[in-house]
């Protein structure tokens, strides 16, 4: 059910992520960025269309980030988000990462999966790589969480 995304999935991923970005629930991604990072994405399809996505991006030697978790509204509360995150954590383990973090407006979901809240200040690689260019910086409303593998 959970598969690695392919190039032909990029437009569906783009549409899904940006539908949530328009509501302020996710940060927007350009189609170019999705094509560039397609290998990071896991997807779930239904009737040939992407209904869920999640990306795992290594951030440093021992740490990765779960990003862009999105499930079509009509498919939510069916365990798809959990399946995507578990697959991302499985790949993190295979890559030799020791921990995985996320920044989210829905910390309860990740806490149920064993993630623990941390200070964003404990993620300097993330802050200086991505956060400084974010429209929400430095007034970010997202919560940082970490999972130890």
C-alpha atoms as a PDB file:
ATOM      1  CA  UNK A   1       0.000   0.000   0.000  1.00  0.00           C
ATOM      2  CA  UNK A   2       2.814   2.465   0.887  1.00  0.00           C
ATOM      3  CA  UNK A   3       5.206   2.915  -2.031  1.00  0.00           C
ATOM      4  CA  UNK A   4       8.119   5.115  -2.992  1.00  0.00           C
ATOM      5  CA  UNK A   5       6.971   7.971  -5.199  1.00  0.00           C
ATOM      6  CA  UNK A   6       7.859   8.064  -8.873  1.00  0.00           C
ATOM      7  CA  UNK A   7       8.294  11.064 -11.141  1.00  0.00           C
ATOM      8  CA  UNK A   8       4.755  10.707 -12.487  1.00  0.00           C
ATOM      9  CA  UNK A   9       3.417  11.141  -8.908  1.00  0.00           C
ATOM     10  CA  UNK A  10       4.973  14.598  -8.460  1.00  0.00           C
ATOM     11  CA  UNK A  11       1.998  16.609  -9.733  1.00  0.00           C
ATOM     12  CA  UNK A  12      -0.431  14.748  -7.447  1.00  0.00           C
ATOM     13  CA  UNK A  13       1.938  15.270  -4.488  1.00  0.00           C
ATOM     14  CA  UNK A  14       2.233  18.955  -5.368  1.00  0.00           C
ATOM     15  CA  UNK A  15      -1.540  19.371  -5.525  1.00  0.00           C
ATOM     16  CA  UNK A  16      -2.087  17.514  -2.244  1.00  0.00           C
ATOM     17  CA  UNK A  17       0.566  19.399  -0.258  1.00  0.00           C
ATOM     18  CA  UNK A  18      -0.424  22.788  -1.608  1.00  0.00           C
ATOM     19  CA  UNK A  19      -4.117  22.202  -0.895  1.00  0.00           C
ATOM     20  CA  UNK A  20      -3.120  22.114   2.794  1.00  0.00           C
ATOM     21  CA  UNK A  21      -0.668  24.998   2.356  1.00  0.00           C
ATOM     22  CA  UNK A  22      -3.524  27.212   1.129  1.00  0.00           C
ATOM     23  CA  UNK A  23      -5.234  26.614   4.480  1.00  0.00           C
ATOM     24  CA  UNK A  24      -2.011  27.361   6.413  1.00  0.00           C
ATOM     25  CA  UNK A  25      -1.654  23.760   7.585  1.00  0.00           C
ATOM     26  CA  UNK A  26       1.542  22.939   5.638  1.00  0.00           C
ATOM     27  CA  UNK A  27       4.292  24.923   4.027  1.00  0.00           C
ATOM     28  CA  UNK A  28       3.931  25.146   0.242  1.00  0.00           C
ATOM     29  CA  UNK A  29       6.320  23.290  -2.050  1.00  0.00           C
ATOM     30  CA  UNK A  30       7.095  24.098  -5.643  1.00  0.00           C
ATOM     31  CA  UNK A  31       6.679  21.425  -8.255  1.00  0.00           C
ATOM     32  CA  UNK A  32      10.386  21.813  -8.983  1.00  0.00           C
ATOM     33  CA  UNK A  33      11.228  21.024  -5.343  1.00  0.00           C
ATOM     34  CA  UNK A  34       9.051  17.909  -5.417  1.00  0.00           C
ATOM     35  CA  UNK A  35      10.700  16.675  -8.621  1.00  0.00           C
ATOM     36  CA  UNK A  36      14.108  17.437  -7.099  1.00  0.00           C
ATOM     37  CA  UNK A  37      13.326  15.475  -3.926  1.00  0.00           C
ATOM     38  CA  UNK A  38      11.003  12.781  -5.312  1.00  0.00           C
ATOM     39  CA  UNK A  39      13.197  10.049  -3.800  1.00  0.00           C
ATOM     40  CA  UNK A  40      12.335  11.364  -0.331  1.00  0.00           C
ATOM     41  CA  UNK A  41       8.606  10.744  -0.754  1.00  0.00           C
ATOM     42  CA  UNK A  42       6.420   7.806   0.182  1.00  0.00           C
ATOM     43  CA  UNK A  43       2.888   7.726  -1.155  1.00  0.00           C
ATOM     44  CA  UNK A  44      -0.406   5.909  -0.864  1.00  0.00           C
ATOM     45  CA  UNK A  45      -2.617   5.752  -3.942  1.00  0.00           C
ATOM     46  CA  UNK A  46      -6.307   5.062  -4.344  1.00  0.00           C
ATOM     47  CA  UNK A  47      -7.853   4.648  -7.797  1.00  0.00           C
ATOM     48  CA  UNK A  48      -4.554   5.705  -9.365  1.00  0.00           C
ATOM     49  CA  UNK A  49      -4.360   9.031  -7.494  1.00  0.00           C
ATOM     50  CA  UNK A  50      -2.087   9.980  -4.590  1.00  0.00           C
ATOM     51  CA  UNK A  51      -4.221  10.282  -1.439  1.00  0.00           C
ATOM     52  CA  UNK A  52      -1.345  10.486   1.037  1.00  0.00           C
ATOM     53  CA  UNK A  53       2.306  11.462   1.075  1.00  0.00           C
ATOM     54  CA  UNK A  54       5.188  11.827   3.476  1.00  0.00           C
ATOM     55  CA  UNK A  55       8.862  12.599   2.951  1.00  0.00           C
ATOM     56  CA  UNK A  56      11.969  11.552   4.871  1.00  0.00           C
ATOM     57  CA  UNK A  57      14.944  13.803   4.303  1.00  0.00           C
ATOM     58  CA  UNK A  58      18.305  13.165   5.963  1.00  0.00           C
ATOM     59  CA  UNK A  59      19.437  16.366   7.687  1.00  0.00           C
ATOM     60  CA  UNK A  60      22.818  15.361   9.057  1.00  0.00           C
ATOM     61  CA  UNK A  61      24.946  12.315   9.793  1.00  0.00           C
ATOM     62  CA  UNK A  62      22.599  10.795  12.362  1.00  0.00           C
ATOM     63  CA  UNK A  63      19.338  12.703  12.019  1.00  0.00           C
ATOM     64  CA  UNK A  64      16.541  12.981   9.474  1.00  0.00           C
ATOM     65  CA  UNK A  65      13.328  14.905   9.127  1.00  0.00           C
ATOM     66  CA  UNK A  66       9.793  13.800   8.366  1.00  0.00           C
ATOM     67  CA  UNK A  67       8.251  16.439   6.129  1.00  0.00           C
ATOM     68  CA  UNK A  68       5.180  17.126   4.062  1.00  0.00           C
ATOM     69  CA  UNK A  69       2.854  14.582   5.653  1.00  0.00           C
ATOM     70  CA  UNK A  70      -0.517  15.064   3.984  1.00  0.00           C
ATOM     71  CA  UNK A  71      -3.621  12.890   3.647  1.00  0.00           C
ATOM     72  CA  UNK A  72      -6.614  13.870   1.505  1.00  0.00           C
ATOM     73  CA  UNK A  73      -9.363  15.004   3.840  1.00  0.00           C
ATOM     74  CA  UNK A  74     -11.795  12.244   2.818  1.00  0.00           C
ATOM     75  CA  UNK A  75      -9.102   9.634   3.579  1.00  0.00           C
ATOM     76  CA  UNK A  76      -8.135  10.937   7.030  1.00  0.00           C
ATOM     77  CA  UNK A  77      -8.645   8.949  10.243  1.00  0.00           C
ATOM     78  CA  UNK A  78      -8.072   5.635   8.440  1.00  0.00           C
ATOM     79  CA  UNK A  79      -4.489   5.059   9.638  1.00  0.00           C
ATOM     80  CA  UNK A  80      -2.826   6.210   6.405  1.00  0.00           C
ATOM     81  CA  UNK A  81      -0.696   8.873   8.097  1.00  0.00           C
ATOM     82  CA  UNK A  82       0.564   6.323  10.597  1.00  0.00           C
ATOM     83  CA  UNK A  83       1.458   3.902   7.792  1.00  0.00           C
ATOM     84  CA  UNK A  84       3.408   6.583   5.948  1.00  0.00           C
ATOM     85  CA  UNK A  85       5.323   7.686   9.051  1.00  0.00           C
ATOM     86  CA  UNK A  86       6.131   4.075   9.999  1.00  0.00           C
ATOM     87  CA  UNK A  87       7.520   3.490   6.506  1.00  0.00           C
ATOM     88  CA  UNK A  88       9.634   6.644   6.782  1.00  0.00           C
ATOM     89  CA  UNK A  89      10.953   5.508  10.178  1.00  0.00           C
ATOM     90  CA  UNK A  90      11.759   2.091   8.710  1.00  0.00           C
ATOM     91  CA  UNK A  91      13.819   3.739   5.981  1.00  0.00           C
ATOM     92  CA  UNK A  92      15.518   5.988   8.559  1.00  0.00           C
ATOM     93  CA  UNK A  93      16.585   2.857  10.417  1.00  0.00           C
ATOM     94  CA  UNK A  94      17.901   1.311   7.179  1.00  0.00           C
ATOM     95  CA  UNK A  95      19.895   4.489   6.480  1.00  0.00           C
ATOM     96  CA  UNK A  96      21.504   4.295   9.912  1.00  0.00           C
ATOM     97  CA  UNK A  97      19.846   7.409  11.291  1.00  0.00           C
ATOM     98  CA  UNK A  98      19.599   7.481  15.076  1.00  0.00           C
ATOM     99  CA  UNK A  99      16.781   9.996  15.332  1.00  0.00           C
ATOM    100  CA  UNK A 100      14.100  11.633  13.244  1.00  0.00           C
ATOM    101  CA  UNK A 101      12.449  14.973  13.924  1.00  0.00           C
ATOM    102  CA  UNK A 102       9.457  16.828  12.576  1.00  0.00           C
ATOM    103  CA  UNK A 103       7.977  20.298  12.816  1.00  0.00           C
ATOM    104  CA  UNK A 104       4.198  20.219  12.937  1.00  0.00           C
ATOM    105  CA  UNK A 105       0.970  21.914  13.911  1.00  0.00           C
ATOM    106  CA  UNK A 106      -0.416  18.510  14.925  1.00  0.00           C
ATOM    107  CA  UNK A 107       1.954  17.295  17.659  1.00  0.00           C
ATOM    108  CA  UNK A 108      -0.651  14.927  19.138  1.00  0.00           C
ATOM    109  CA  UNK A 109      -0.486  12.697  16.061  1.00  0.00           C
ATOM    110  CA  UNK A 110       3.285  12.311  16.337  1.00  0.00           C
ATOM    111  CA  UNK A 111       3.226  11.913  20.131  1.00  0.00           C
ATOM    112  CA  UNK A 112       0.911   8.891  19.704  1.00  0.00           C
ATOM    113  CA  UNK A 113       3.647   7.386  17.514  1.00  0.00           C
ATOM    114  CA  UNK A 114       6.351   7.831  20.155  1.00  0.00           C
ATOM    115  CA  UNK A 115       7.747  11.244  19.208  1.00  0.00           C
ATOM    116  CA  UNK A 116       8.672  13.583  22.086  1.00  0.00           C
ATOM    117  CA  UNK A 117       8.492  17.372  22.108  1.00  0.00           C
ATOM    118  CA  UNK A 118      11.823  19.211  21.975  1.00  0.00           C
ATOM    119  CA  UNK A 119      13.007  22.780  21.614  1.00  0.00           C
ATOM    120  CA  UNK A 120      13.489  23.966  18.034  1.00  0.00           C
ATOM    121  CA  UNK A 121      16.803  25.401  19.231  1.00  0.00           C
ATOM    122  CA  UNK A 122      18.097  21.828  19.498  1.00  0.00           C
ATOM    123  CA  UNK A 123      17.862  21.538  15.685  1.00  0.00           C
ATOM    124  CA  UNK A 124      20.472  24.032  14.464  1.00  0.00           C
ATOM    125  CA  UNK A 125      20.950  22.294  11.090  1.00  0.00           C
ATOM    126  CA  UNK A 126      17.242  22.673  10.325  1.00  0.00           C
ATOM    127  CA  UNK A 127      17.048  26.259  11.505  1.00  0.00           C
ATOM    128  CA  UNK A 128      19.953  27.474   9.399  1.00  0.00           C
ATOM    129  CA  UNK A 129      19.164  25.355   6.345  1.00  0.00           C
ATOM    130  CA  UNK A 130      15.396  25.786   5.950  1.00  0.00           C
ATOM    131  CA  UNK A 131      13.866  27.907   8.684  1.00  0.00           C
ATOM    132  CA  UNK A 132      15.712  31.144   7.917  1.00  0.00           C
ATOM    133  CA  UNK A 133      14.072  31.195   4.471  1.00  0.00           C
ATOM    134  CA  UNK A 134      10.579  30.364   5.755  1.00  0.00           C
ATOM    135  CA  UNK A 135       7.831  32.990   5.751  1.00  0.00           C
ATOM    136  CA  UNK A 136       7.073  32.060   9.377  1.00  0.00           C
ATOM    137  CA  UNK A 137      10.632  32.675  10.629  1.00  0.00           C
ATOM    138  CA  UNK A 138      11.272  33.687  13.384  1.00  0.00           C
ATOM    139  CA  UNK A 139       7.627  33.582  14.531  1.00  0.00           C
ATOM    140  CA  UNK A 140       7.157  29.875  13.796  1.00  0.00           C
ATOM    141  CA  UNK A 141       4.028  28.316  15.254  1.00  0.00           C
ATOM    142  CA  UNK A 142       5.112  24.728  14.649  1.00  0.00           C
ATOM    143  CA  UNK A 143       6.100  22.300  17.398  1.00  0.00           C
ATOM    144  CA  UNK A 144       9.340  20.325  17.144  1.00  0.00           C
ATOM    145  CA  UNK A 145       9.296  16.639  18.043  1.00  0.00           C
ATOM    146  CA  UNK A 146      11.901  13.888  17.884  1.00  0.00           C
ATOM    147  CA  UNK A 147      11.844  10.108  17.629  1.00  0.00           C
ATOM    148  CA  UNK A 148      14.820   8.036  18.805  1.00  0.00           C
ATOM    149  CA  UNK A 149      15.408   4.938  16.709  1.00  0.00           C
END
